[in-house]
Amino acid sequence: MMFDALEERMKKSIAALRSELATIRTGRANAALLDHVTVSYYGSEVPFNQVGSISVPEPRILMITPWEKAIIGDIEKAIMKSDLGLNPTSDGEVVRIILPELTEDRRKELVKKARTIGEKARVSVRNIRRDANDDVKNQVKDASLSEDESKRLQDRIQKITDKYIAEVDQVVEHKEHDILTV
């Protein structure tokens, strides 16, 4: 039972990693690029998916069709204020964002950012391992577990940790490949 909870927490770390990596732009347009950008809408900050639909009509173009035409200006401002470095254009009906080609230097910066995010995920997985090992050690102190059983459980915890660290590495490597593909 303890291992199910351990794996569930580690899976959540992987899901958070995938979500955060999705916000890093590659050479292709991706609606997840706008996940962390919010729009001022009737006095509150809301995510893009609550003010309109986001589509990818071409590999390097994002198109936002707002539910209300009056919010187009706010959408453009939100995109320009974001750290994405993109310039939206609108025709009064939709907002288009043309993603420029990434320079080699910018690609290298994005790879570094992806690796940093990956390292945070590794640390998260290791912290989960530490918590599980602490639980096992506390059970030994309470005399509800023997030393041999404790060692066996810690070995199993380490194997699960290794599996998820490898998955983190694989996800980051895949993202690096996406970023570096021209």
N, C-alpha and C. Protein backbone atom coordinates (compact mmCIF):
# COMPACT_ATOMS: atom_id res chain seq x y z
N MET A 1 0.83 -1.20 0.00
CA MET A 1 0.00 0.00 0.00
C MET A 1 0.87 1.25 0.00
N MET A 2 1.95 1.22 0.78
CA MET A 2 2.85 2.36 0.87
C MET A 2 3.45 2.68 -0.50
N PHE A 3 3.72 1.65 -1.28
CA PHE A 3 4.36 1.84 -2.59
C PHE A 3 3.40 2.47 -3.60
N ASP A 4 2.10 2.17 -3.46
CA ASP A 4 1.11 2.79 -4.35
C ASP A 4 1.10 4.30 -4.15
N ALA A 5 1.10 4.74 -2.90
CA ALA A 5 1.10 6.17 -2.59
C ALA A 5 2.40 6.82 -3.06
N LEU A 6 3.50 6.11 -2.90
CA LEU A 6 4.81 6.61 -3.33
C LEU A 6 4.81 6.82 -4.84
N GLU A 7 4.36 5.82 -5.57
CA GLU A 7 4.33 5.93 -7.03
C GLU A 7 3.36 7.01 -7.48
N GLU A 8 2.23 7.14 -6.79
CA GLU A 8 1.25 8.16 -7.15
C GLU A 8 1.85 9.56 -7.02
N ARG A 9 2.58 9.80 -5.94
CA ARG A 9 3.22 11.11 -5.74
C ARG A 9 4.28 11.35 -6.82
N MET A 10 5.03 10.31 -7.17
CA MET A 10 6.06 10.47 -8.20
C MET A 10 5.44 10.71 -9.57
N LYS A 11 4.30 10.07 -9.84
CA LYS A 11 3.60 10.30 -11.10
C LYS A 11 3.13 11.75 -11.19
N LYS A 12 2.71 12.30 -10.06
CA LYS A 12 2.28 13.70 -10.05
C LYS A 12 3.46 14.62 -10.36
N SER A 13 4.65 14.27 -9.89
CA SER A 13 5.84 15.06 -10.21
C SER A 13 6.13 15.03 -11.71
N ILE A 14 5.96 13.85 -12.31
CA ILE A 14 6.18 13.71 -13.76
C ILE A 14 5.14 14.53 -14.52
N ALA A 15 3.88 14.48 -14.06
CA ALA A 15 2.81 15.25 -14.72
C ALA A 15 3.10 16.75 -14.63
N ALA A 16 3.58 17.20 -13.48
CA ALA A 16 3.92 18.62 -13.31
C ALA A 16 5.09 18.99 -14.23
N LEU A 17 6.04 18.09 -14.36
CA LEU A 17 7.17 18.32 -15.27
C LEU A 17 6.68 18.48 -16.71
N ARG A 18 5.84 17.55 -17.15
CA ARG A 18 5.32 17.62 -18.53
C ARG A 18 4.55 18.92 -18.75
N SER A 19 3.76 19.31 -17.76
CA SER A 19 2.97 20.54 -17.86
C SER A 19 3.88 21.76 -17.98
N GLU A 20 4.91 21.80 -17.15
CA GLU A 20 5.82 22.94 -17.17
C GLU A 20 6.64 22.98 -18.46
N LEU A 21 7.06 21.82 -18.93
CA LEU A 21 7.84 21.78 -20.18
C LEU A 21 6.98 22.19 -21.38
N ALA A 22 5.68 21.96 -21.30
CA ALA A 22 4.79 22.32 -22.42
C ALA A 22 4.77 23.83 -22.65
N THR A 23 5.11 24.60 -21.61
CA THR A 23 5.08 26.06 -21.77
C THR A 23 6.34 26.59 -22.45
N ILE A 24 7.35 25.75 -22.63
CA ILE A 24 8.56 26.17 -23.35
C ILE A 24 8.30 25.99 -24.83
N ARG A 25 8.54 27.04 -25.57
CA ARG A 25 8.20 26.95 -26.98
C ARG A 25 9.28 26.25 -27.79
N THR A 26 8.82 25.50 -28.76
CA THR A 26 9.72 24.83 -29.68
C THR A 26 9.52 25.49 -31.04
N GLY A 27 9.98 24.91 -32.08
CA GLY A 27 9.79 25.48 -33.41
C GLY A 27 8.36 25.43 -33.89
N ARG A 28 7.53 24.61 -33.25
CA ARG A 28 6.14 24.44 -33.66
C ARG A 28 5.20 25.14 -32.69
N ALA A 29 4.05 25.55 -33.22
CA ALA A 29 3.02 26.16 -32.38
C ALA A 29 2.37 25.09 -31.52
N ASN A 30 2.03 25.47 -30.29
CA ASN A 30 1.41 24.54 -29.36
C ASN A 30 0.53 25.36 -28.43
N ALA A 31 -0.74 24.98 -28.30
CA ALA A 31 -1.68 25.74 -27.46
C ALA A 31 -1.22 25.81 -26.01
N ALA A 32 -0.45 24.83 -25.55
CA ALA A 32 0.03 24.82 -24.16
C ALA A 32 1.00 25.96 -23.88
N LEU A 33 1.48 26.60 -24.93
CA LEU A 33 2.38 27.74 -24.79
C LEU A 33 1.74 28.84 -23.96
N LEU A 34 0.43 28.96 -24.06
CA LEU A 34 -0.29 30.04 -23.39
C LEU A 34 -0.87 29.62 -22.04
N ASP A 35 -0.55 28.42 -21.57
CA ASP A 35 -1.13 27.92 -20.32
C ASP A 35 -0.86 28.80 -19.11
N HIS A 36 0.33 29.39 -19.03
CA HIS A 36 0.65 30.18 -17.84
C HIS A 36 0.41 31.68 -18.03
N VAL A 37 -0.17 32.06 -19.18
CA VAL A 37 -0.48 33.46 -19.44
C VAL A 37 -1.95 33.70 -19.09
N THR A 38 -2.21 34.80 -18.38
CA THR A 38 -3.59 35.11 -18.01
C THR A 38 -4.03 36.42 -18.64
N VAL A 39 -5.34 36.56 -18.81
CA VAL A 39 -5.95 37.75 -19.42
C VAL A 39 -6.79 38.45 -18.37
N SER A 40 -6.72 39.77 -18.34
CA SER A 40 -7.58 40.55 -17.45
C SER A 40 -8.98 40.57 -18.07
N TYR A 41 -9.93 39.96 -17.39
CA TYR A 41 -11.28 39.80 -17.93
C TYR A 41 -12.29 40.15 -16.85
N TYR A 42 -12.99 41.24 -17.04
CA TYR A 42 -13.95 41.73 -16.05
C TYR A 42 -13.33 41.85 -14.66
N GLY A 43 -12.12 42.39 -14.60
CA GLY A 43 -11.48 42.66 -13.32
C GLY A 43 -10.71 41.52 -12.69
N SER A 44 -10.72 40.33 -13.29
CA SER A 44 -9.96 39.23 -12.71
C SER A 44 -9.07 38.60 -13.77
N GLU A 45 -8.00 37.96 -13.31
CA GLU A 45 -7.05 37.31 -14.23
C GLU A 45 -7.53 35.88 -14.48
N VAL A 46 -7.76 35.56 -15.76
CA VAL A 46 -8.24 34.22 -16.11
C VAL A 46 -7.35 33.63 -17.20
N PRO A 47 -7.25 32.29 -17.25
CA PRO A 47 -6.45 31.64 -18.30
C PRO A 47 -7.10 31.82 -19.68
N PHE A 48 -6.28 31.70 -20.71
CA PHE A 48 -6.76 31.89 -22.09
C PHE A 48 -7.92 30.97 -22.44
N ASN A 49 -7.87 29.73 -21.97
CA ASN A 49 -8.92 28.78 -22.36
C ASN A 49 -10.30 29.16 -21.83
N GLN A 50 -10.36 30.19 -20.94
CA GLN A 50 -11.66 30.63 -20.44
C GLN A 50 -12.19 31.87 -21.15
N VAL A 51 -11.40 32.43 -22.07
CA VAL A 51 -11.86 33.60 -22.81
C VAL A 51 -12.03 33.32 -24.31
N GLY A 52 -11.57 32.17 -24.75
CA GLY A 52 -11.71 31.85 -26.16
C GLY A 52 -11.11 30.49 -26.48
N SER A 53 -11.20 30.12 -27.74
CA SER A 53 -10.62 28.84 -28.15
C SER A 53 -9.28 29.09 -28.82
N ILE A 54 -8.36 28.17 -28.60
CA ILE A 54 -7.01 28.28 -29.16
C ILE A 54 -6.85 27.16 -30.17
N SER A 55 -6.42 27.53 -31.36
CA SER A 55 -6.21 26.51 -32.39
C SER A 55 -4.85 26.72 -33.06
N VAL A 56 -4.41 25.70 -33.78
CA VAL A 56 -3.12 25.75 -34.49
C VAL A 56 -3.42 25.46 -35.97
N PRO A 57 -3.77 26.51 -36.75
CA PRO A 57 -4.12 26.28 -38.15
C PRO A 57 -2.92 25.90 -39.02
N GLU A 58 -1.72 26.36 -38.64
CA GLU A 58 -0.50 26.04 -39.36
C GLU A 58 0.59 25.74 -38.34
N PRO A 59 1.65 25.05 -38.72
CA PRO A 59 2.68 24.65 -37.74
C PRO A 59 3.30 25.78 -36.92
N ARG A 60 3.32 27.02 -37.46
CA ARG A 60 3.95 28.10 -36.71
C ARG A 60 2.99 29.23 -36.37
N ILE A 61 1.68 28.95 -36.39
CA ILE A 61 0.69 29.98 -36.09
C ILE A 61 -0.28 29.47 -35.02
N LEU A 62 -0.47 30.30 -34.00
CA LEU A 62 -1.51 30.06 -32.99
C LEU A 62 -2.64 31.02 -33.29
N MET A 63 -3.87 30.55 -33.19
CA MET A 63 -5.02 31.42 -33.43
C MET A 63 -5.95 31.35 -32.23
N ILE A 64 -6.28 32.52 -31.69
CA ILE A 64 -7.18 32.60 -30.55
C ILE A 64 -8.48 33.25 -31.02
N THR A 65 -9.57 32.52 -30.86
CA THR A 65 -10.88 33.05 -31.21
C THR A 65 -11.62 33.33 -29.91
N PRO A 66 -11.72 34.63 -29.54
CA PRO A 66 -12.36 34.95 -28.25
C PRO A 66 -13.86 34.74 -28.28
N TRP A 67 -14.42 34.43 -27.10
CA TRP A 67 -15.87 34.26 -27.01
C TRP A 67 -16.54 35.62 -27.23
N GLU A 68 -15.88 36.71 -26.77
CA GLU A 68 -16.41 38.06 -26.94
C GLU A 68 -15.39 38.89 -27.72
N LYS A 69 -15.84 39.59 -28.73
CA LYS A 69 -14.92 40.39 -29.55
C LYS A 69 -14.29 41.54 -28.76
N ALA A 70 -14.97 42.03 -27.73
CA ALA A 70 -14.50 43.18 -26.96
C ALA A 70 -13.20 42.90 -26.21
N ILE A 71 -12.86 41.65 -26.01
CA ILE A 71 -11.69 41.30 -25.21
C ILE A 71 -10.42 41.14 -26.06
N ILE A 72 -10.51 41.33 -27.35
CA ILE A 72 -9.35 41.14 -28.23
C ILE A 72 -8.16 41.98 -27.79
N GLY A 73 -8.40 43.25 -27.44
CA GLY A 73 -7.32 44.14 -27.00
C GLY A 73 -6.64 43.61 -25.74
N ASP A 74 -7.45 43.10 -24.80
CA ASP A 74 -6.90 42.55 -23.56
C ASP A 74 -6.05 41.31 -23.84
N ILE A 75 -6.48 40.50 -24.78
CA ILE A 75 -5.73 39.30 -25.16
C ILE A 75 -4.37 39.69 -25.72
N GLU A 76 -4.37 40.68 -26.62
CA GLU A 76 -3.11 41.13 -27.21
C GLU A 76 -2.17 41.68 -26.14
N LYS A 77 -2.70 42.47 -25.20
CA LYS A 77 -1.87 43.04 -24.12
C LYS A 77 -1.27 41.93 -23.27
N ALA A 78 -2.07 40.93 -22.93
CA ALA A 78 -1.60 39.83 -22.08
C ALA A 78 -0.46 39.08 -22.75
N ILE A 79 -0.57 38.85 -24.05
CA ILE A 79 0.48 38.13 -24.78
C ILE A 79 1.76 38.96 -24.83
N MET A 80 1.61 40.27 -25.06
CA MET A 80 2.79 41.14 -25.13
C MET A 80 3.48 41.27 -23.77
N LYS A 81 2.69 41.26 -22.68
CA LYS A 81 3.27 41.38 -21.33
C LYS A 81 3.92 40.08 -20.87
N SER A 82 3.54 38.95 -21.48
CA SER A 82 4.09 37.66 -21.06
C SER A 82 5.58 37.58 -21.41
N ASP A 83 6.25 36.56 -20.86
CA ASP A 83 7.68 36.38 -21.12
C ASP A 83 7.96 35.58 -22.40
N LEU A 84 6.95 35.43 -23.25
CA LEU A 84 7.11 34.62 -24.45
C LEU A 84 7.80 35.36 -25.59
N GLY A 85 7.78 36.70 -25.56
CA GLY A 85 8.43 37.46 -26.61
C GLY A 85 7.72 37.35 -27.95
N LEU A 86 6.39 37.30 -27.92
CA LEU A 86 5.62 37.15 -29.15
C LEU A 86 4.80 38.41 -29.42
N ASN A 87 4.56 38.68 -30.71
CA ASN A 87 3.75 39.84 -31.10
C ASN A 87 2.47 39.36 -31.78
N PRO A 88 1.33 39.54 -31.11
CA PRO A 88 0.06 39.12 -31.69
C PRO A 88 -0.46 40.14 -32.70
N THR A 89 -1.25 39.67 -33.62
CA THR A 89 -1.95 40.56 -34.55
C THR A 89 -3.41 40.14 -34.57
N SER A 90 -4.30 41.12 -34.80
CA SER A 90 -5.72 40.76 -34.84
C SER A 90 -6.39 41.45 -36.01
N ASP A 91 -7.48 40.85 -36.45
CA ASP A 91 -8.26 41.43 -37.54
C ASP A 91 -9.65 41.82 -37.04
N GLY A 92 -9.81 41.92 -35.73
CA GLY A 92 -11.11 42.25 -35.15
C GLY A 92 -11.96 41.03 -34.84
N GLU A 93 -11.60 39.89 -35.40
CA GLU A 93 -12.34 38.64 -35.16
C GLU A 93 -11.50 37.66 -34.35
N VAL A 94 -10.25 37.48 -34.76
CA VAL A 94 -9.35 36.53 -34.10
C VAL A 94 -8.00 37.18 -33.85
N VAL A 95 -7.24 36.58 -32.92
CA VAL A 95 -5.88 37.02 -32.65
C VAL A 95 -4.95 35.94 -33.18
N ARG A 96 -3.99 36.34 -34.02
CA ARG A 96 -3.03 35.38 -34.56
C ARG A 96 -1.66 35.67 -33.97
N ILE A 97 -0.96 34.61 -33.65
CA ILE A 97 0.41 34.75 -33.16
C ILE A 97 1.29 33.92 -34.09
N ILE A 98 2.17 34.61 -34.80
CA ILE A 98 3.10 33.91 -35.69
C ILE A 98 4.39 33.68 -34.90
N LEU A 99 4.76 32.43 -34.76
CA LEU A 99 5.97 32.10 -34.01
C LEU A 99 7.18 32.22 -34.93
N PRO A 100 8.11 33.12 -34.60
CA PRO A 100 9.30 33.25 -35.45
C PRO A 100 10.21 32.04 -35.28
N GLU A 101 11.07 31.84 -36.27
CA GLU A 101 12.06 30.76 -36.15
C GLU A 101 12.96 31.05 -34.96
N LEU A 102 13.32 30.03 -34.24
CA LEU A 102 14.22 30.19 -33.10
C LEU A 102 15.67 30.26 -33.59
N THR A 103 16.44 31.19 -33.00
CA THR A 103 17.86 31.26 -33.33
C THR A 103 18.57 30.15 -32.57
N GLU A 104 19.79 29.85 -32.98
CA GLU A 104 20.56 28.79 -32.31
C GLU A 104 20.80 29.15 -30.85
N ASP A 105 21.10 30.44 -30.57
CA ASP A 105 21.32 30.87 -29.18
C ASP A 105 20.06 30.70 -28.35
N ARG A 106 18.92 31.08 -28.92
CA ARG A 106 17.65 30.97 -28.20
C ARG A 106 17.33 29.50 -27.93
N ARG A 107 17.62 28.64 -28.89
CA ARG A 107 17.39 27.20 -28.69
C ARG A 107 18.22 26.68 -27.52
N LYS A 108 19.49 27.13 -27.45
CA LYS A 108 20.37 26.70 -26.35
C LYS A 108 19.84 27.19 -25.01
N GLU A 109 19.33 28.43 -24.97
CA GLU A 109 18.74 28.97 -23.74
C GLU A 109 17.54 28.13 -23.31
N LEU A 110 16.70 27.76 -24.28
CA LEU A 110 15.51 26.98 -23.97
C LEU A 110 15.87 25.57 -23.49
N VAL A 111 16.93 25.00 -24.04
CA VAL A 111 17.40 23.69 -23.58
C VAL A 111 17.87 23.79 -22.13
N LYS A 112 18.60 24.87 -21.80
CA LYS A 112 19.04 25.07 -20.42
C LYS A 112 17.84 25.20 -19.49
N LYS A 113 16.83 25.94 -19.93
CA LYS A 113 15.62 26.10 -19.12
C LYS A 113 14.93 24.75 -18.91
N ALA A 114 14.87 23.93 -19.96
CA ALA A 114 14.25 22.60 -19.85
C ALA A 114 15.03 21.73 -18.88
N ARG A 115 16.36 21.81 -18.93
CA ARG A 115 17.19 21.02 -18.01
C ARG A 115 16.99 21.47 -16.57
N THR A 116 16.84 22.78 -16.36
CA THR A 116 16.59 23.31 -15.01
C THR A 116 15.26 22.79 -14.47
N ILE A 117 14.24 22.81 -15.32
CA ILE A 117 12.93 22.29 -14.92
C ILE A 117 13.03 20.79 -14.62
N GLY A 118 13.81 20.07 -15.43
CA GLY A 118 14.02 18.64 -15.21
C GLY A 118 14.71 18.38 -13.88
N GLU A 119 15.68 19.22 -13.54
CA GLU A 119 16.40 19.05 -12.26
C GLU A 119 15.45 19.28 -11.09
N LYS A 120 14.54 20.25 -11.22
CA LYS A 120 13.54 20.48 -10.16
C LYS A 120 12.68 19.23 -9.98
N ALA A 121 12.33 18.60 -11.09
CA ALA A 121 11.51 17.38 -11.01
C ALA A 121 12.29 16.25 -10.35
N ARG A 122 13.59 16.13 -10.67
CA ARG A 122 14.42 15.10 -10.03
C ARG A 122 14.48 15.33 -8.52
N VAL A 123 14.66 16.60 -8.13
CA VAL A 123 14.71 16.94 -6.70
C VAL A 123 13.39 16.58 -6.03
N SER A 124 12.29 16.86 -6.72
CA SER A 124 10.97 16.52 -6.19
C SER A 124 10.84 15.01 -5.96
N VAL A 125 11.27 14.22 -6.94
CA VAL A 125 11.20 12.75 -6.81
C VAL A 125 12.09 12.29 -5.66
N ARG A 126 13.27 12.88 -5.54
CA ARG A 126 14.18 12.50 -4.44
C ARG A 126 13.60 12.88 -3.08
N ASN A 127 12.90 14.01 -3.02
CA ASN A 127 12.26 14.40 -1.75
C ASN A 127 11.17 13.41 -1.36
N ILE A 128 10.46 12.92 -2.35
CA ILE A 128 9.43 11.90 -2.08
C ILE A 128 10.10 10.63 -1.56
N ARG A 129 11.24 10.26 -2.16
CA ARG A 129 12.00 9.09 -1.69
C ARG A 129 12.43 9.30 -0.24
N ARG A 130 12.96 10.49 0.06
CA ARG A 130 13.41 10.79 1.43
C ARG A 130 12.27 10.64 2.43
N ASP A 131 11.08 11.17 2.06
CA ASP A 131 9.93 11.05 2.96
C ASP A 131 9.57 9.58 3.21
N ALA A 132 9.59 8.78 2.16
CA ALA A 132 9.27 7.36 2.30
C ALA A 132 10.31 6.64 3.16
N ASN A 133 11.59 6.96 2.93
CA ASN A 133 12.65 6.35 3.75
C ASN A 133 12.52 6.77 5.21
N ASP A 134 12.17 8.02 5.45
CA ASP A 134 11.96 8.49 6.83
C ASP A 134 10.83 7.72 7.51
N ASP A 135 9.76 7.46 6.76
CA ASP A 135 8.64 6.68 7.31
C ASP A 135 9.10 5.29 7.71
N VAL A 136 9.91 4.66 6.84
CA VAL A 136 10.42 3.32 7.13
C VAL A 136 11.31 3.36 8.38
N LYS A 137 12.20 4.36 8.46
CA LYS A 137 13.10 4.47 9.62
C LYS A 137 12.32 4.71 10.91
N ASN A 138 11.23 5.48 10.83
CA ASN A 138 10.40 5.71 12.01
C ASN A 138 9.72 4.43 12.47
N GLN A 139 9.36 3.58 11.51
CA GLN A 139 8.74 2.30 11.87
C GLN A 139 9.76 1.39 12.57
N VAL A 140 11.03 1.50 12.19
CA VAL A 140 12.08 0.73 12.85
C VAL A 140 12.23 1.22 14.29
N LYS A 141 12.21 2.55 14.47
CA LYS A 141 12.32 3.13 15.82
C LYS A 141 11.16 2.70 16.70
N ASP A 142 9.97 2.59 16.10
CA ASP A 142 8.78 2.17 16.85
C ASP A 142 8.77 0.67 17.10
N ALA A 143 9.75 -0.02 16.57
CA ALA A 143 9.90 -1.47 16.70
C ALA A 143 8.79 -2.24 15.98
N SER A 144 8.14 -1.58 15.01
CA SER A 144 7.13 -2.31 14.24
C SER A 144 7.73 -2.92 12.97
N LEU A 145 9.04 -2.63 12.72
CA LEU A 145 9.75 -3.21 11.59
C LEU A 145 11.14 -3.64 12.04
N SER A 146 11.61 -4.75 11.45
CA SER A 146 12.97 -5.19 11.75
C SER A 146 13.94 -4.44 10.84
N GLU A 147 15.22 -4.48 11.18
CA GLU A 147 16.26 -3.82 10.37
C GLU A 147 16.32 -4.43 8.97
N ASP A 148 16.21 -5.77 8.91
CA ASP A 148 16.26 -6.45 7.60
C ASP A 148 15.09 -6.03 6.71
N GLU A 149 13.91 -5.98 7.30
CA GLU A 149 12.72 -5.57 6.55
C GLU A 149 12.87 -4.10 6.11
N SER A 150 13.41 -3.28 6.98
CA SER A 150 13.65 -1.87 6.67
C SER A 150 14.58 -1.73 5.46
N LYS A 151 15.65 -2.51 5.45
CA LYS A 151 16.61 -2.47 4.35
C LYS A 151 15.95 -2.91 3.04
N ARG A 152 15.13 -3.95 3.12
CA ARG A 152 14.43 -4.44 1.94
C ARG A 152 13.46 -3.39 1.40
N LEU A 153 12.73 -2.72 2.29
CA LEU A 153 11.79 -1.68 1.86
C LEU A 153 12.53 -0.49 1.24
N GLN A 154 13.64 -0.10 1.85
CA GLN A 154 14.41 1.03 1.32
C GLN A 154 15.00 0.70 -0.06
N ASP A 155 15.40 -0.55 -0.26
CA ASP A 155 15.90 -0.96 -1.57
C ASP A 155 14.78 -0.86 -2.62
N ARG A 156 13.58 -1.27 -2.23
CA ARG A 156 12.45 -1.20 -3.17
C ARG A 156 12.08 0.26 -3.46
N ILE A 157 12.13 1.10 -2.44
CA ILE A 157 11.87 2.53 -2.63
C ILE A 157 12.89 3.11 -3.61
N GLN A 158 14.16 2.70 -3.47
CA GLN A 158 15.21 3.20 -4.37
C GLN A 158 14.97 2.76 -5.80
N LYS A 159 14.51 1.52 -6.00
CA LYS A 159 14.23 1.03 -7.36
C LYS A 159 13.11 1.84 -8.01
N ILE A 160 12.08 2.14 -7.23
CA ILE A 160 10.96 2.95 -7.74
C ILE A 160 11.46 4.35 -8.08
N THR A 161 12.30 4.90 -7.21
CA THR A 161 12.87 6.24 -7.45
C THR A 161 13.70 6.25 -8.72
N ASP A 162 14.54 5.24 -8.89
CA ASP A 162 15.37 5.16 -10.10
C ASP A 162 14.51 5.13 -11.37
N LYS A 163 13.40 4.40 -11.30
CA LYS A 163 12.49 4.30 -12.44
C LYS A 163 11.94 5.69 -12.80
N TYR A 164 11.54 6.46 -11.80
CA TYR A 164 10.95 7.77 -12.08
C TYR A 164 12.01 8.82 -12.45
N ILE A 165 13.20 8.69 -11.91
CA ILE A 165 14.29 9.60 -12.32
C ILE A 165 14.61 9.35 -13.80
N ALA A 166 14.61 8.09 -14.20
CA ALA A 166 14.85 7.75 -15.61
C ALA A 166 13.74 8.32 -16.49
N GLU A 167 12.51 8.29 -15.99
CA GLU A 167 11.40 8.84 -16.76
C GLU A 167 11.54 10.36 -16.90
N VAL A 168 11.97 11.04 -15.83
CA VAL A 168 12.23 12.48 -15.88
C VAL A 168 13.27 12.76 -16.96
N ASP A 169 14.37 12.00 -16.93
CA ASP A 169 15.43 12.19 -17.92
C ASP A 169 14.91 11.99 -19.34
N GLN A 170 14.06 11.00 -19.53
CA GLN A 170 13.51 10.71 -20.85
C GLN A 170 12.61 11.85 -21.32
N VAL A 171 11.77 12.38 -20.44
CA VAL A 171 10.87 13.48 -20.80
C VAL A 171 11.67 14.72 -21.17
N VAL A 172 12.70 15.04 -20.38
CA VAL A 172 13.54 16.21 -20.66
C VAL A 172 14.30 16.01 -21.98
N GLU A 173 14.81 14.82 -22.19
CA GLU A 173 15.55 14.54 -23.42
C GLU A 173 14.65 14.71 -24.65
N HIS A 174 13.41 14.24 -24.53
CA HIS A 174 12.44 14.39 -25.63
C HIS A 174 12.18 15.87 -25.91
N LYS A 175 12.01 16.68 -24.85
CA LYS A 175 11.78 18.10 -25.02
C LYS A 175 12.98 18.78 -25.66
N GLU A 176 14.19 18.39 -25.22
CA GLU A 176 15.42 18.96 -25.81
C GLU A 176 15.45 18.67 -27.31
N HIS A 177 15.10 17.44 -27.67
CA HIS A 177 15.07 17.06 -29.08
C HIS A 177 14.08 17.95 -29.85
N ASP A 178 12.89 18.18 -29.27
CA ASP A 178 11.88 19.05 -29.90
C ASP A 178 12.42 20.46 -30.09
N ILE A 179 13.11 20.97 -29.07
CA ILE A 179 13.62 22.34 -29.14
C ILE A 179 14.71 22.45 -30.21
N LEU A 180 15.58 21.47 -30.27
CA LEU A 180 16.73 21.55 -31.18
C LEU A 180 16.40 21.17 -32.62
N THR A 181 15.22 20.56 -32.85
CA THR A 181 14.84 20.19 -34.21
C THR A 181 14.42 21.45 -34.95
N VAL A 182 15.06 21.67 -36.07
CA VAL A 182 14.80 22.89 -36.86
C VAL A 182 13.64 22.65 -37.80
